[in-house]
């Protein structure tokens, strides 16, 4: 899903807590114009 895709680089680095990663994900979604409510959606549910 969207949350796992976006947080994967942070998970690989392994220096952030789950709550920190979720907050950073929400902030970066705001920056690129995506909704926080989309975190549970999968790629096929989005346009190109």
ModelCIF file with pLDDT and N, C-alpha, C, O atoms, coordinates in Angstrom:
data_MODEL
#
_entry.id   MODEL 
#
_entity.id                         1 
_entity.type                       polymer 
_entity.pdbx_number_of_molecules   1 
#
_entity_poly.entity_id                      1 
_entity_poly.type                           'polypeptide(L)' 
_entity_poly.nstd_linkage                   no 
_entity_poly.nstd_monomer                   no 
_entity_poly.pdbx_seq_one_letter_code       
;(UNK)(UNK)(UNK)(UNK)(UNK)(UNK)(UNK)(UNK)(UNK)(UNK)(UNK)(UNK)(UNK)(UNK)(UNK)(UNK)
(UNK)(UNK)(UNK)(UNK)(UNK)(UNK)(UNK)(UNK)(UNK)(UNK)(UNK)(UNK)(UNK)(UNK)(UNK)(UNK)
(UNK)(UNK)(UNK)(UNK)(UNK)(UNK)(UNK)(UNK)(UNK)(UNK)(UNK)(UNK)(UNK)(UNK)(UNK)(UNK)
;
_entity_poly.pdbx_seq_one_letter_code_can   XXXXXXXXXXXXXXXXXXXXXXXXXXXXXXXXXXXXXXXXXXXXXXXX 
_entity_poly.pdbx_strand_id                 A 
#
loop_
_entity_poly_seq.entity_id 
_entity_poly_seq.num 
_entity_poly_seq.mon_id 
_entity_poly_seq.hetero 
1 1  UNK n 
1 2  UNK n 
1 3  UNK n 
1 4  UNK n 
1 5  UNK n 
1 6  UNK n 
1 7  UNK n 
1 8  UNK n 
1 9  UNK n 
1 10 UNK n 
1 11 UNK n 
1 12 UNK n 
1 13 UNK n 
1 14 UNK n 
1 15 UNK n 
1 16 UNK n 
1 17 UNK n 
1 18 UNK n 
1 19 UNK n 
1 20 UNK n 
1 21 UNK n 
1 22 UNK n 
1 23 UNK n 
1 24 UNK n 
1 25 UNK n 
1 26 UNK n 
1 27 UNK n 
1 28 UNK n 
1 29 UNK n 
1 30 UNK n 
1 31 UNK n 
1 32 UNK n 
1 33 UNK n 
1 34 UNK n 
1 35 UNK n 
1 36 UNK n 
1 37 UNK n 
1 38 UNK n 
1 39 UNK n 
1 40 UNK n 
1 41 UNK n 
1 42 UNK n 
1 43 UNK n 
1 44 UNK n 
1 45 UNK n 
1 46 UNK n 
1 47 UNK n 
1 48 UNK n 
#
_struct_asym.id          A 
_struct_asym.entity_id   1 
#
loop_
_ma_qa_metric.id 
_ma_qa_metric.mode 
_ma_qa_metric.name 
_ma_qa_metric.software_group_id 
_ma_qa_metric.type 
1 global pLDDT . pLDDT 
2 local  pLDDT . pLDDT 
#
_ma_qa_metric_global.metric_id      1 
_ma_qa_metric_global.metric_value   92.35 
_ma_qa_metric_global.model_id       1 
_ma_qa_metric_global.ordinal_id     1 
#
loop_
_ma_qa_metric_local.label_asym_id 
_ma_qa_metric_local.label_comp_id 
_ma_qa_metric_local.label_seq_id 
_ma_qa_metric_local.metric_id 
_ma_qa_metric_local.metric_value 
_ma_qa_metric_local.model_id 
_ma_qa_metric_local.ordinal_id 
A UNK 1  2 95.00 1 1  
A UNK 2  2 95.00 1 2  
A UNK 3  2 94.00 1 3  
A UNK 4  2 94.00 1 4  
A UNK 5  2 95.00 1 5  
A UNK 6  2 95.00 1 6  
A UNK 7  2 94.00 1 7  
A UNK 8  2 93.00 1 8  
A UNK 9  2 93.00 1 9  
A UNK 10 2 92.00 1 10 
A UNK 11 2 91.00 1 11 
A UNK 12 2 89.00 1 12 
A UNK 13 2 88.00 1 13 
A UNK 14 2 85.00 1 14 
A UNK 15 2 82.00 1 15 
A UNK 16 2 88.00 1 16 
A UNK 17 2 90.00 1 17 
A UNK 18 2 90.00 1 18 
A UNK 19 2 91.00 1 19 
A UNK 20 2 92.00 1 20 
A UNK 21 2 93.00 1 21 
A UNK 22 2 92.00 1 22 
A UNK 23 2 93.00 1 23 
A UNK 24 2 94.00 1 24 
A UNK 25 2 94.00 1 25 
A UNK 26 2 93.00 1 26 
A UNK 27 2 93.00 1 27 
A UNK 28 2 94.00 1 28 
A UNK 29 2 94.00 1 29 
A UNK 30 2 92.00 1 30 
A UNK 31 2 91.00 1 31 
A UNK 32 2 92.00 1 32 
A UNK 33 2 91.00 1 33 
A UNK 34 2 93.00 1 34 
A UNK 35 2 93.00 1 35 
A UNK 36 2 92.00 1 36 
A UNK 37 2 93.00 1 37 
A UNK 38 2 92.00 1 38 
A UNK 39 2 93.00 1 39 
A UNK 40 2 94.00 1 40 
A UNK 41 2 96.00 1 41 
A UNK 42 2 96.00 1 42 
A UNK 43 2 94.00 1 43 
A UNK 44 2 94.00 1 44 
A UNK 45 2 95.00 1 45 
A UNK 46 2 94.00 1 46 
A UNK 47 2 92.00 1 47 
A UNK 48 2 90.00 1 48 
#
loop_
_atom_site.group_PDB 
_atom_site.id 
_atom_site.type_symbol 
_atom_site.label_atom_id 
_atom_site.label_alt_id 
_atom_site.label_comp_id 
_atom_site.label_asym_id 
_atom_site.label_entity_id 
_atom_site.label_seq_id 
_atom_site.pdbx_PDB_ins_code 
_atom_site.Cartn_x 
_atom_site.Cartn_y 
_atom_site.Cartn_z 
_atom_site.occupancy 
_atom_site.B_iso_or_equiv 
_atom_site.pdbx_formal_charge 
_atom_site.auth_seq_id 
_atom_site.auth_comp_id 
_atom_site.auth_asym_id 
_atom_site.auth_atom_id 
_atom_site.pdbx_PDB_model_num 
ATOM 1   N N  . UNK A 1 1  ? 0.845  -1.204 0.000   1.00 95.00 ? 1  UNK A N  1 
ATOM 2   C CA . UNK A 1 1  ? 0.000  0.000  0.000   1.00 95.00 ? 1  UNK A CA 1 
ATOM 3   C C  . UNK A 1 1  ? 0.876  1.249  0.000   1.00 95.00 ? 1  UNK A C  1 
ATOM 4   O O  . UNK A 1 1  ? 2.102  1.177  0.092   1.00 95.00 ? 1  UNK A O  1 
ATOM 5   N N  . UNK A 1 2  ? 0.208  2.393  -0.106  1.00 95.00 ? 2  UNK A N  1 
ATOM 6   C CA . UNK A 1 2  ? 0.924  3.662  -0.241  1.00 95.00 ? 2  UNK A CA 1 
ATOM 7   C C  . UNK A 1 2  ? 1.858  3.911  0.931   1.00 95.00 ? 2  UNK A C  1 
ATOM 8   O O  . UNK A 1 2  ? 2.993  4.345  0.735   1.00 95.00 ? 2  UNK A O  1 
ATOM 9   N N  . UNK A 1 3  ? 1.400  3.645  2.136   1.00 94.00 ? 3  UNK A N  1 
ATOM 10  C CA . UNK A 1 3  ? 2.228  3.927  3.309   1.00 94.00 ? 3  UNK A CA 1 
ATOM 11  C C  . UNK A 1 3  ? 3.512  3.119  3.290   1.00 94.00 ? 3  UNK A C  1 
ATOM 12  O O  . UNK A 1 3  ? 4.582  3.649  3.586   1.00 94.00 ? 3  UNK A O  1 
ATOM 13  N N  . UNK A 1 4  ? 3.420  1.835  2.942   1.00 94.00 ? 4  UNK A N  1 
ATOM 14  C CA . UNK A 1 4  ? 4.618  1.003  2.939   1.00 94.00 ? 4  UNK A CA 1 
ATOM 15  C C  . UNK A 1 4  ? 5.573  1.416  1.817   1.00 94.00 ? 4  UNK A C  1 
ATOM 16  O O  . UNK A 1 4  ? 6.790  1.403  2.000   1.00 94.00 ? 4  UNK A O  1 
ATOM 17  N N  . UNK A 1 5  ? 5.017  1.784  0.653   1.00 95.00 ? 5  UNK A N  1 
ATOM 18  C CA . UNK A 1 5  ? 5.861  2.191  -0.475  1.00 95.00 ? 5  UNK A CA 1 
ATOM 19  C C  . UNK A 1 5  ? 6.671  3.433  -0.120  1.00 95.00 ? 5  UNK A C  1 
ATOM 20  O O  . UNK A 1 5  ? 7.876  3.489  -0.366  1.00 95.00 ? 5  UNK A O  1 
ATOM 21  N N  . UNK A 1 6  ? 6.003  4.426  0.458   1.00 95.00 ? 6  UNK A N  1 
ATOM 22  C CA . UNK A 1 6  ? 6.675  5.698  0.727   1.00 95.00 ? 6  UNK A CA 1 
ATOM 23  C C  . UNK A 1 6  ? 7.657  5.580  1.883   1.00 95.00 ? 6  UNK A C  1 
ATOM 24  O O  . UNK A 1 6  ? 8.708  6.220  1.868   1.00 95.00 ? 6  UNK A O  1 
ATOM 25  N N  . UNK A 1 7  ? 7.328  4.772  2.882   1.00 94.00 ? 7  UNK A N  1 
ATOM 26  C CA . UNK A 1 7  ? 8.205  4.669  4.056   1.00 94.00 ? 7  UNK A CA 1 
ATOM 27  C C  . UNK A 1 7  ? 9.332  3.663  3.883   1.00 94.00 ? 7  UNK A C  1 
ATOM 28  O O  . UNK A 1 7  ? 10.191 3.547  4.757   1.00 94.00 ? 7  UNK A O  1 
ATOM 29  N N  . UNK A 1 8  ? 9.346  2.933  2.770   1.00 93.00 ? 8  UNK A N  1 
ATOM 30  C CA . UNK A 1 8  ? 10.358 1.890  2.588   1.00 93.00 ? 8  UNK A CA 1 
ATOM 31  C C  . UNK A 1 8  ? 11.792 2.413  2.722   1.00 93.00 ? 8  UNK A C  1 
ATOM 32  O O  . UNK A 1 8  ? 12.597 1.762  3.388   1.00 93.00 ? 8  UNK A O  1 
ATOM 33  N N  . UNK A 1 9  ? 12.155 3.564  2.119   1.00 93.00 ? 9  UNK A N  1 
ATOM 34  C CA . UNK A 1 9  ? 13.536 4.048  2.313   1.00 93.00 ? 9  UNK A CA 1 
ATOM 35  C C  . UNK A 1 9  ? 13.877 4.305  3.773   1.00 93.00 ? 9  UNK A C  1 
ATOM 36  O O  . UNK A 1 9  ? 15.004 4.044  4.192   1.00 93.00 ? 9  UNK A O  1 
ATOM 37  N N  . UNK A 1 10 ? 12.926 4.813  4.560   1.00 92.00 ? 10 UNK A N  1 
ATOM 38  C CA . UNK A 1 10 ? 13.180 5.033  5.986   1.00 92.00 ? 10 UNK A CA 1 
ATOM 39  C C  . UNK A 1 10 ? 13.338 3.714  6.722   1.00 92.00 ? 10 UNK A C  1 
ATOM 40  O O  . UNK A 1 10 ? 14.171 3.582  7.618   1.00 92.00 ? 10 UNK A O  1 
ATOM 41  N N  . UNK A 1 11 ? 12.523 2.737  6.330   1.00 91.00 ? 11 UNK A N  1 
ATOM 42  C CA . UNK A 1 11 ? 12.611 1.429  6.979   1.00 91.00 ? 11 UNK A CA 1 
ATOM 43  C C  . UNK A 1 11 ? 13.965 0.776  6.717   1.00 91.00 ? 11 UNK A C  1 
ATOM 44  O O  . UNK A 1 11 ? 14.518 0.118  7.597   1.00 91.00 ? 11 UNK A O  1 
ATOM 45  N N  . UNK A 1 12 ? 14.501 0.956  5.506   1.00 89.00 ? 12 UNK A N  1 
ATOM 46  C CA . UNK A 1 12 ? 15.808 0.391  5.176   1.00 89.00 ? 12 UNK A CA 1 
ATOM 47  C C  . UNK A 1 12 ? 16.902 1.052  6.003   1.00 89.00 ? 12 UNK A C  1 
ATOM 48  O O  . UNK A 1 12 ? 17.819 0.381  6.477   1.00 89.00 ? 12 UNK A O  1 
ATOM 49  N N  . UNK A 1 13 ? 16.804 2.375  6.178   1.00 88.00 ? 13 UNK A N  1 
ATOM 50  C CA . UNK A 1 13 ? 17.801 3.070  6.994   1.00 88.00 ? 13 UNK A CA 1 
ATOM 51  C C  . UNK A 1 13 ? 17.716 2.659  8.455   1.00 88.00 ? 13 UNK A C  1 
ATOM 52  O O  . UNK A 1 13 ? 18.738 2.572  9.137   1.00 88.00 ? 13 UNK A O  1 
ATOM 53  N N  . UNK A 1 14 ? 16.494 2.403  8.947   1.00 85.00 ? 14 UNK A N  1 
ATOM 54  C CA . UNK A 1 14 ? 16.307 1.842  10.277  1.00 85.00 ? 14 UNK A CA 1 
ATOM 55  C C  . UNK A 1 14 ? 16.618 2.766  11.424  1.00 85.00 ? 14 UNK A C  1 
ATOM 56  O O  . UNK A 1 14 ? 16.950 2.293  12.511  1.00 85.00 ? 14 UNK A O  1 
ATOM 57  N N  . UNK A 1 15 ? 16.525 4.082  11.224  1.00 82.00 ? 15 UNK A N  1 
ATOM 58  C CA . UNK A 1 15 ? 16.849 4.989  12.324  1.00 82.00 ? 15 UNK A CA 1 
ATOM 59  C C  . UNK A 1 15 ? 15.652 5.824  12.764  1.00 82.00 ? 15 UNK A C  1 
ATOM 60  O O  . UNK A 1 15 ? 15.829 6.830  13.450  1.00 82.00 ? 15 UNK A O  1 
ATOM 61  N N  . UNK A 1 16 ? 14.422 5.424  12.380  1.00 88.00 ? 16 UNK A N  1 
ATOM 62  C CA . UNK A 1 16 ? 13.222 6.148  12.762  1.00 88.00 ? 16 UNK A CA 1 
ATOM 63  C C  . UNK A 1 16 ? 12.231 5.193  13.422  1.00 88.00 ? 16 UNK A C  1 
ATOM 64  O O  . UNK A 1 16 ? 12.152 4.014  13.075  1.00 88.00 ? 16 UNK A O  1 
ATOM 65  N N  . UNK A 1 17 ? 11.478 5.728  14.380  1.00 90.00 ? 17 UNK A N  1 
ATOM 66  C CA . UNK A 1 17 ? 10.430 4.936  15.004  1.00 90.00 ? 17 UNK A CA 1 
ATOM 67  C C  . UNK A 1 17 ? 9.211  4.885  14.079  1.00 90.00 ? 17 UNK A C  1 
ATOM 68  O O  . UNK A 1 17 ? 9.086  5.735  13.198  1.00 90.00 ? 17 UNK A O  1 
ATOM 69  N N  . UNK A 1 18 ? 8.314  3.915  14.253  1.00 90.00 ? 18 UNK A N  1 
ATOM 70  C CA . UNK A 1 18 ? 7.110  3.854  13.411  1.00 90.00 ? 18 UNK A CA 1 
ATOM 71  C C  . UNK A 1 18 ? 6.286  5.133  13.452  1.00 90.00 ? 18 UNK A C  1 
ATOM 72  O O  . UNK A 1 18 ? 5.751  5.554  12.426  1.00 90.00 ? 18 UNK A O  1 
ATOM 73  N N  . UNK A 1 19 ? 6.176  5.751  14.614  1.00 91.00 ? 19 UNK A N  1 
ATOM 74  C CA . UNK A 1 19 ? 5.393  6.991  14.695  1.00 91.00 ? 19 UNK A CA 1 
ATOM 75  C C  . UNK A 1 19 ? 6.081  8.121  13.924  1.00 91.00 ? 19 UNK A C  1 
ATOM 76  O O  . UNK A 1 19 ? 5.416  8.918  13.262  1.00 91.00 ? 19 UNK A O  1 
ATOM 77  N N  . UNK A 1 20 ? 7.405  8.187  14.012  1.00 92.00 ? 20 UNK A N  1 
ATOM 78  C CA . UNK A 1 20 ? 8.140  9.205  13.257  1.00 92.00 ? 20 UNK A CA 1 
ATOM 79  C C  . UNK A 1 20 ? 7.971  8.990  11.747  1.00 92.00 ? 20 UNK A C  1 
ATOM 80  O O  . UNK A 1 20 ? 7.782  9.943  10.991  1.00 92.00 ? 20 UNK A O  1 
ATOM 81  N N  . UNK A 1 21 ? 8.044  7.721  11.323  1.00 93.00 ? 21 UNK A N  1 
ATOM 82  C CA . UNK A 1 21 ? 7.909  7.430  9.894   1.00 93.00 ? 21 UNK A CA 1 
ATOM 83  C C  . UNK A 1 21 ? 6.520  7.791  9.393   1.00 93.00 ? 21 UNK A C  1 
ATOM 84  O O  . UNK A 1 21 ? 6.370  8.305  8.285   1.00 93.00 ? 21 UNK A O  1 
ATOM 85  N N  . UNK A 1 22 ? 5.507  7.523  10.203  1.00 92.00 ? 22 UNK A N  1 
ATOM 86  C CA . UNK A 1 22 ? 4.142  7.847  9.774   1.00 92.00 ? 22 UNK A CA 1 
ATOM 87  C C  . UNK A 1 22 ? 3.959  9.363  9.659   1.00 92.00 ? 22 UNK A C  1 
ATOM 88  O O  . UNK A 1 22 ? 3.317  9.843  8.725   1.00 92.00 ? 22 UNK A O  1 
ATOM 89  N N  . UNK A 1 23 ? 4.523  10.115 10.609  1.00 93.00 ? 23 UNK A N  1 
ATOM 90  C CA . UNK A 1 23 ? 4.414  11.564 10.555  1.00 93.00 ? 23 UNK A CA 1 
ATOM 91  C C  . UNK A 1 23 ? 5.162  12.124 9.341   1.00 93.00 ? 23 UNK A C  1 
ATOM 92  O O  . UNK A 1 23 ? 4.656  13.018 8.662   1.00 93.00 ? 23 UNK A O  1 
ATOM 93  N N  . UNK A 1 24 ? 6.349  11.609 9.068   1.00 94.00 ? 24 UNK A N  1 
ATOM 94  C CA . UNK A 1 24 ? 7.113  12.070 7.920   1.00 94.00 ? 24 UNK A CA 1 
ATOM 95  C C  . UNK A 1 24 ? 6.396  11.723 6.614   1.00 94.00 ? 24 UNK A C  1 
ATOM 96  O O  . UNK A 1 24 ? 6.437  12.491 5.653   1.00 94.00 ? 24 UNK A O  1 
ATOM 97  N N  . UNK A 1 25 ? 5.742  10.566 6.587   1.00 94.00 ? 25 UNK A N  1 
ATOM 98  C CA . UNK A 1 25 ? 4.994  10.169 5.399   1.00 94.00 ? 25 UNK A CA 1 
ATOM 99  C C  . UNK A 1 25 ? 3.824  11.107 5.161   1.00 94.00 ? 25 UNK A C  1 
ATOM 100 O O  . UNK A 1 25 ? 3.575  11.524 4.031   1.00 94.00 ? 25 UNK A O  1 
ATOM 101 N N  . UNK A 1 26 ? 3.116  11.433 6.215   1.00 93.00 ? 26 UNK A N  1 
ATOM 102 C CA . UNK A 1 26 ? 1.989  12.364 6.078   1.00 93.00 ? 26 UNK A CA 1 
ATOM 103 C C  . UNK A 1 26 ? 2.456  13.725 5.574   1.00 93.00 ? 26 UNK A C  1 
ATOM 104 O O  . UNK A 1 26 ? 1.789  14.341 4.742   1.00 93.00 ? 26 UNK A O  1 
ATOM 105 N N  . UNK A 1 27 ? 3.595  14.197 6.069   1.00 93.00 ? 27 UNK A N  1 
ATOM 106 C CA . UNK A 1 27 ? 4.116  15.496 5.653   1.00 93.00 ? 27 UNK A CA 1 
ATOM 107 C C  . UNK A 1 27 ? 4.539  15.489 4.189   1.00 93.00 ? 27 UNK A C  1 
ATOM 108 O O  . UNK A 1 27 ? 4.307  16.457 3.464   1.00 93.00 ? 27 UNK A O  1 
ATOM 109 N N  . UNK A 1 28 ? 5.161  14.397 3.761   1.00 94.00 ? 28 UNK A N  1 
ATOM 110 C CA . UNK A 1 28 ? 5.619  14.353 2.374   1.00 94.00 ? 28 UNK A CA 1 
ATOM 111 C C  . UNK A 1 28 ? 4.448  14.173 1.420   1.00 94.00 ? 28 UNK A C  1 
ATOM 112 O O  . UNK A 1 28 ? 4.509  14.639 0.282   1.00 94.00 ? 28 UNK A O  1 
ATOM 113 N N  . UNK A 1 29 ? 3.380  13.507 1.859   1.00 94.00 ? 29 UNK A N  1 
ATOM 114 C CA . UNK A 1 29 ? 2.178  13.413 1.027   1.00 94.00 ? 29 UNK A CA 1 
ATOM 115 C C  . UNK A 1 29 ? 1.544  14.783 0.847   1.00 94.00 ? 29 UNK A C  1 
ATOM 116 O O  . UNK A 1 29 ? 1.073  15.118 -0.241  1.00 94.00 ? 29 UNK A O  1 
ATOM 117 N N  . UNK A 1 30 ? 1.531  15.572 1.910   1.00 92.00 ? 30 UNK A N  1 
ATOM 118 C CA . UNK A 1 30 ? 1.042  16.944 1.789   1.00 92.00 ? 30 UNK A CA 1 
ATOM 119 C C  . UNK A 1 30 ? 1.871  17.723 0.775   1.00 92.00 ? 30 UNK A C  1 
ATOM 120 O O  . UNK A 1 30 ? 1.330  18.511 -0.001  1.00 92.00 ? 30 UNK A O  1 
ATOM 121 N N  . UNK A 1 31 ? 3.184  17.503 0.782   1.00 91.00 ? 31 UNK A N  1 
ATOM 122 C CA . UNK A 1 31 ? 4.082  18.260 -0.102  1.00 91.00 ? 31 UNK A CA 1 
ATOM 123 C C  . UNK A 1 31 ? 3.836  17.939 -1.570  1.00 91.00 ? 31 UNK A C  1 
ATOM 124 O O  . UNK A 1 31 ? 3.984  18.814 -2.422  1.00 91.00 ? 31 UNK A O  1 
ATOM 125 N N  . UNK A 1 32 ? 3.460  16.687 -1.884  1.00 92.00 ? 32 UNK A N  1 
ATOM 126 C CA . UNK A 1 32 ? 3.259  16.299 -3.289  1.00 92.00 ? 32 UNK A CA 1 
ATOM 127 C C  . UNK A 1 32 ? 1.790  16.321 -3.687  1.00 92.00 ? 32 UNK A C  1 
ATOM 128 O O  . UNK A 1 32 ? 1.446  15.916 -4.798  1.00 92.00 ? 32 UNK A O  1 
ATOM 129 N N  . UNK A 1 33 ? 0.918  16.789 -2.798  1.00 91.00 ? 33 UNK A N  1 
ATOM 130 C CA . UNK A 1 33 ? -0.481 16.955 -3.162  1.00 91.00 ? 33 UNK A CA 1 
ATOM 131 C C  . UNK A 1 33 ? -1.317 15.689 -3.109  1.00 91.00 ? 33 UNK A C  1 
ATOM 132 O O  . UNK A 1 33 ? -2.304 15.573 -3.835  1.00 91.00 ? 33 UNK A O  1 
ATOM 133 N N  . UNK A 1 34 ? -0.940 14.735 -2.258  1.00 93.00 ? 34 UNK A N  1 
ATOM 134 C CA . UNK A 1 34 ? -1.743 13.525 -2.055  1.00 93.00 ? 34 UNK A CA 1 
ATOM 135 C C  . UNK A 1 34 ? -2.400 13.585 -0.677  1.00 93.00 ? 34 UNK A C  1 
ATOM 136 O O  . UNK A 1 34 ? -1.908 14.257 0.230   1.00 93.00 ? 34 UNK A O  1 
ATOM 137 N N  . UNK A 1 35 ? -3.521 12.870 -0.535  1.00 93.00 ? 35 UNK A N  1 
ATOM 138 C CA . UNK A 1 35 ? -4.271 12.925 0.718   1.00 93.00 ? 35 UNK A CA 1 
ATOM 139 C C  . UNK A 1 35 ? -3.750 11.914 1.732   1.00 93.00 ? 35 UNK A C  1 
ATOM 140 O O  . UNK A 1 35 ? -3.343 10.810 1.372   1.00 93.00 ? 35 UNK A O  1 
ATOM 141 N N  . UNK A 1 36 ? -3.768 12.299 2.978   1.00 92.00 ? 36 UNK A N  1 
ATOM 142 C CA . UNK A 1 36 ? -3.345 11.383 4.043   1.00 92.00 ? 36 UNK A CA 1 
ATOM 143 C C  . UNK A 1 36 ? -4.279 10.200 4.163   1.00 92.00 ? 36 UNK A C  1 
ATOM 144 O O  . UNK A 1 36 ? -3.874 9.138  4.638   1.00 92.00 ? 36 UNK A O  1 
ATOM 145 N N  . UNK A 1 37 ? -5.517 10.362 3.742   1.00 93.00 ? 37 UNK A N  1 
ATOM 146 C CA . UNK A 1 37 ? -6.479 9.257  3.822   1.00 93.00 ? 37 UNK A CA 1 
ATOM 147 C C  . UNK A 1 37 ? -6.194 8.175  2.792   1.00 93.00 ? 37 UNK A C  1 
ATOM 148 O O  . UNK A 1 37 ? -6.841 7.128  2.803   1.00 93.00 ? 37 UNK A O  1 
ATOM 149 N N  . UNK A 1 38 ? -5.223 8.414  1.889   1.00 92.00 ? 38 UNK A N  1 
ATOM 150 C CA . UNK A 1 38 ? -4.893 7.430  0.854   1.00 92.00 ? 38 UNK A CA 1 
ATOM 151 C C  . UNK A 1 38 ? -3.828 6.435  1.299   1.00 92.00 ? 38 UNK A C  1 
ATOM 152 O O  . UNK A 1 38 ? -3.413 5.583  0.514   1.00 92.00 ? 38 UNK A O  1 
ATOM 153 N N  . UNK A 1 39 ? -3.378 6.532  2.557   1.00 93.00 ? 39 UNK A N  1 
ATOM 154 C CA . UNK A 1 39 ? -2.259 5.712  3.007   1.00 93.00 ? 39 UNK A CA 1 
ATOM 155 C C  . UNK A 1 39 ? -2.513 4.216  2.850   1.00 93.00 ? 39 UNK A C  1 
ATOM 156 O O  . UNK A 1 39 ? -1.574 3.452  2.627   1.00 93.00 ? 39 UNK A O  1 
ATOM 157 N N  . UNK A 1 40 ? -3.756 3.794  2.961   1.00 94.00 ? 40 UNK A N  1 
ATOM 158 C CA . UNK A 1 40 ? -4.055 2.368  2.869   1.00 94.00 ? 40 UNK A CA 1 
ATOM 159 C C  . UNK A 1 40 ? -4.351 1.880  1.473   1.00 94.00 ? 40 UNK A C  1 
ATOM 160 O O  . UNK A 1 40 ? -4.610 0.691  1.285   1.00 94.00 ? 40 UNK A O  1 
ATOM 161 N N  . UNK A 1 41 ? -4.323 2.755  0.487   1.00 96.00 ? 41 UNK A N  1 
ATOM 162 C CA . UNK A 1 41 ? -4.644 2.363  -0.890  1.00 96.00 ? 41 UNK A CA 1 
ATOM 163 C C  . UNK A 1 41 ? -3.437 1.728  -1.583  1.00 96.00 ? 41 UNK A C  1 
ATOM 164 O O  . UNK A 1 41 ? -2.294 1.887  -1.156  1.00 96.00 ? 41 UNK A O  1 
ATOM 165 N N  . UNK A 1 42 ? -3.733 1.000  -2.674  1.00 96.00 ? 42 UNK A N  1 
ATOM 166 C CA . UNK A 1 42 ? -2.707 0.296  -3.443  1.00 96.00 ? 42 UNK A CA 1 
ATOM 167 C C  . UNK A 1 42 ? -2.500 0.997  -4.790  1.00 96.00 ? 42 UNK A C  1 
ATOM 168 O O  . UNK A 1 42 ? -3.368 1.752  -5.228  1.00 96.00 ? 42 UNK A O  1 
ATOM 169 N N  . UNK A 1 43 ? -1.358 0.757  -5.456  1.00 94.00 ? 43 UNK A N  1 
ATOM 170 C CA . UNK A 1 43 ? -1.046 1.488  -6.694  1.00 94.00 ? 43 UNK A CA 1 
ATOM 171 C C  . UNK A 1 43 ? -2.130 1.448  -7.764  1.00 94.00 ? 43 UNK A C  1 
ATOM 172 O O  . UNK A 1 43 ? -2.312 2.427  -8.488  1.00 94.00 ? 43 UNK A O  1 
ATOM 173 N N  . UNK A 1 44 ? -2.858 0.328  -7.881  1.00 94.00 ? 44 UNK A N  1 
ATOM 174 C CA . UNK A 1 44 ? -3.860 0.236  -8.948  1.00 94.00 ? 44 UNK A CA 1 
ATOM 175 C C  . UNK A 1 44 ? -5.047 1.178  -8.722  1.00 94.00 ? 44 UNK A C  1 
ATOM 176 O O  . UNK A 1 44 ? -5.865 1.378  -9.620  1.00 94.00 ? 44 UNK A O  1 
ATOM 177 N N  . UNK A 1 45 ? -5.134 1.747  -7.537  1.00 95.00 ? 45 UNK A N  1 
ATOM 178 C CA . UNK A 1 45 ? -6.227 2.674  -7.235  1.00 95.00 ? 45 UNK A CA 1 
ATOM 179 C C  . UNK A 1 45 ? -5.892 4.125  -7.581  1.00 95.00 ? 45 UNK A C  1 
ATOM 180 O O  . UNK A 1 45 ? -6.695 5.026  -7.337  1.00 95.00 ? 45 UNK A O  1 
ATOM 181 N N  . UNK A 1 46 ? -4.698 4.351  -8.155  1.00 94.00 ? 46 UNK A N  1 
ATOM 182 C CA . UNK A 1 46 ? -4.270 5.708  -8.488  1.00 94.00 ? 46 UNK A CA 1 
ATOM 183 C C  . UNK A 1 46 ? -4.070 5.847  -9.995  1.00 94.00 ? 46 UNK A C  1 
ATOM 184 O O  . UNK A 1 46 ? -3.816 4.869  -10.697 1.00 94.00 ? 46 UNK A O  1 
ATOM 185 N N  . UNK A 1 47 ? -4.192 7.085  -10.476 1.00 92.00 ? 47 UNK A N  1 
ATOM 186 C CA . UNK A 1 47 ? -3.912 7.372  -11.888 1.00 92.00 ? 47 UNK A CA 1 
ATOM 187 C C  . UNK A 1 47 ? -2.405 7.433  -12.106 1.00 92.00 ? 47 UNK A C  1 
ATOM 188 O O  . UNK A 1 47 ? -1.626 7.370  -11.155 1.00 92.00 ? 47 UNK A O  1 
ATOM 189 N N  . UNK A 1 48 ? -2.000 7.560  -13.388 1.00 90.00 ? 48 UNK A N  1 
ATOM 190 C CA . UNK A 1 48 ? -0.578 7.617  -13.690 1.00 90.00 ? 48 UNK A CA 1 
ATOM 191 C C  . UNK A 1 48 ? 0.105  8.809  -13.051 1.00 90.00 ? 48 UNK A C  1 
ATOM 192 O O  . UNK A 1 48 ? 1.311  8.992  -13.217 1.00 90.00 ? 48 UNK A O  1 
#
